[in-house]
């Protein structure tokens, strides 16, 4: 997990530096805010990895000499073969986006479908 944390910190720094350079070159606020906000999500993930101790433990993915047979037999988790919840999530997101463009009448419907999809995905991932 050390590699993932360093990659997230590098992505965050890239977004912050790119946004700052973009601001001084163009003075355009929309792109600058987009690049700065791009730097926040990797920073949140890296902060989570650091706070929960994932950086302290050394896993096989951090070992440059690791071979695939050393990871044989490790449990990865359960993955569903087929799921309709991602499609429902996309439909809910599209409805929320359309309601913000065309009118707020569809917003409760879109939020409801999105919440249903998120709950379905969470429930499915536990089994």
Protein backbone atom coordinates (compact mmCIF):
# COMPACT_ATOMS: atom_id res chain seq x y z
CA UNK A 1 0.00 0.00 0.00
CA UNK A 2 2.96 2.31 0.20
CA UNK A 3 3.05 2.56 -3.57
CA UNK A 4 -0.64 3.49 -3.72
CA UNK A 5 -0.23 6.17 -1.07
CA UNK A 6 2.75 7.72 -2.84
CA UNK A 7 0.88 7.63 -6.15
CA UNK A 8 -2.10 9.41 -4.60
CA UNK A 9 0.15 12.07 -3.08
CA UNK A 10 1.86 12.55 -6.45
CA UNK A 11 -1.51 12.95 -8.21
CA UNK A 12 -2.60 15.48 -5.63
CA UNK A 13 0.59 17.49 -6.06
CA UNK A 14 0.22 17.32 -9.85
CA UNK A 15 -3.30 18.76 -9.67
CA UNK A 16 -2.30 21.55 -7.29
CA UNK A 17 0.79 22.52 -9.28
CA UNK A 18 -1.02 22.29 -12.62
CA UNK A 19 -3.89 24.41 -11.31
CA UNK A 20 -1.52 27.07 -10.03
CA UNK A 21 0.44 27.20 -13.28
CA UNK A 22 -2.81 27.26 -15.25
CA UNK A 23 -4.06 30.21 -13.19
CA UNK A 24 -0.95 32.30 -13.77
CA UNK A 25 -0.90 31.50 -17.49
CA UNK A 26 -4.60 32.02 -18.31
CA UNK A 27 -6.31 33.75 -15.31
CA UNK A 28 -9.31 31.54 -16.08
CA UNK A 29 -11.17 30.53 -12.88
CA UNK A 30 -13.16 27.50 -14.10
CA UNK A 31 -10.21 25.42 -15.27
CA UNK A 32 -8.15 26.47 -12.28
CA UNK A 33 -10.83 25.33 -9.83
CA UNK A 34 -11.26 22.11 -11.76
CA UNK A 35 -7.56 21.31 -11.51
CA UNK A 36 -7.42 22.29 -7.84
CA UNK A 37 -10.45 20.16 -7.05
CA UNK A 38 -8.78 17.31 -8.96
CA UNK A 39 -6.01 17.46 -6.38
CA UNK A 40 -8.41 16.96 -3.46
CA UNK A 41 -9.66 13.42 -4.11
CA UNK A 42 -6.24 11.74 -4.27
CA UNK A 43 -5.31 13.68 -1.13
CA UNK A 44 -8.36 12.25 0.67
CA UNK A 45 -7.44 8.70 -0.37
CA UNK A 46 -3.80 9.18 0.64
CA UNK A 47 -4.91 10.62 3.98
CA UNK A 48 -7.10 7.59 4.56
CA UNK A 49 -4.21 5.24 3.77
CA UNK A 50 -1.87 7.10 6.11
CA UNK A 51 -4.36 7.38 8.99
CA UNK A 52 -5.38 3.73 8.87
CA UNK A 53 -1.83 2.42 8.89
CA UNK A 54 -1.76 1.04 5.36
CA UNK A 55 1.54 2.81 4.77
CA UNK A 56 3.27 1.02 7.65
CA UNK A 57 2.51 -2.49 6.46
CA UNK A 58 4.49 -3.90 3.59
CA UNK A 59 2.46 -5.94 1.11
CA UNK A 60 3.50 -8.01 -1.88
CA UNK A 61 2.66 -5.20 -4.27
CA UNK A 62 5.37 -3.07 -2.65
CA UNK A 63 8.07 -5.73 -3.04
CA UNK A 64 9.94 -5.30 -6.33
CA UNK A 65 11.15 -8.93 -6.19
CA UNK A 66 7.71 -10.44 -5.58
CA UNK A 67 6.54 -13.25 -7.84
CA UNK A 68 2.91 -14.18 -8.56
CA UNK A 69 3.22 -17.58 -6.88
CA UNK A 70 3.89 -15.90 -3.50
CA UNK A 71 0.38 -14.45 -3.58
CA UNK A 72 -1.27 -17.77 -4.39
CA UNK A 73 -4.01 -18.68 -1.97
CA UNK A 74 -4.61 -15.18 -0.61
CA UNK A 75 -8.26 -14.25 -0.39
CA UNK A 76 -9.13 -11.25 -2.52
CA UNK A 77 -12.79 -10.93 -1.62
CA UNK A 78 -16.01 -11.66 -3.41
CA UNK A 79 -16.89 -10.09 -6.70
CA UNK A 80 -20.34 -10.38 -8.27
CA UNK A 81 -20.40 -11.87 -11.74
CA UNK A 82 -23.19 -9.64 -13.00
CA UNK A 83 -24.96 -6.70 -11.44
CA UNK A 84 -27.63 -4.26 -12.56
CA UNK A 85 -26.85 -1.70 -9.85
CA UNK A 86 -24.20 0.19 -11.84
CA UNK A 87 -26.77 0.77 -14.60
CA UNK A 88 -29.29 2.00 -12.03
CA UNK A 89 -26.63 4.31 -10.57
CA UNK A 90 -25.94 5.78 -14.01
CA UNK A 91 -29.65 6.35 -14.63
CA UNK A 92 -29.99 8.08 -11.27
CA UNK A 93 -26.97 10.27 -11.96
CA UNK A 94 -28.32 11.22 -15.38
CA UNK A 95 -31.67 12.10 -13.83
CA UNK A 96 -29.99 14.27 -11.19
CA UNK A 97 -27.93 16.02 -13.87
CA UNK A 98 -30.96 16.55 -16.09
CA UNK A 99 -32.94 17.97 -13.18
CA UNK A 100 -30.21 20.52 -12.52
CA UNK A 101 -30.33 21.59 -16.16
CA UNK A 102 -34.05 21.44 -16.96
CA UNK A 103 -35.72 21.93 -13.59
CA UNK A 104 -35.68 20.69 -10.03
CA UNK A 105 -38.87 18.67 -10.43
CA UNK A 106 -36.89 15.52 -11.25
CA UNK A 107 -34.33 16.00 -8.48
CA UNK A 108 -36.12 13.91 -5.81
CA UNK A 109 -36.61 11.10 -8.31
CA UNK A 110 -32.96 11.17 -9.35
CA UNK A 111 -31.73 11.30 -5.76
CA UNK A 112 -34.02 8.42 -4.85
CA UNK A 113 -32.81 6.24 -7.71
CA UNK A 114 -29.19 7.12 -6.92
CA UNK A 115 -29.66 6.28 -3.23
CA UNK A 116 -31.36 3.00 -4.16
CA UNK A 117 -28.45 2.09 -6.42
CA UNK A 118 -25.85 2.94 -3.77
CA UNK A 119 -27.70 0.86 -1.18
CA UNK A 120 -28.00 -2.00 -3.66
CA UNK A 121 -24.28 -1.88 -4.41
CA UNK A 122 -23.43 -1.79 -0.71
CA UNK A 123 -25.72 -4.70 0.05
CA UNK A 124 -24.39 -6.72 -2.85
CA UNK A 125 -20.78 -6.16 -1.86
CA UNK A 126 -21.36 -7.60 1.63
CA UNK A 127 -22.45 -11.00 0.37
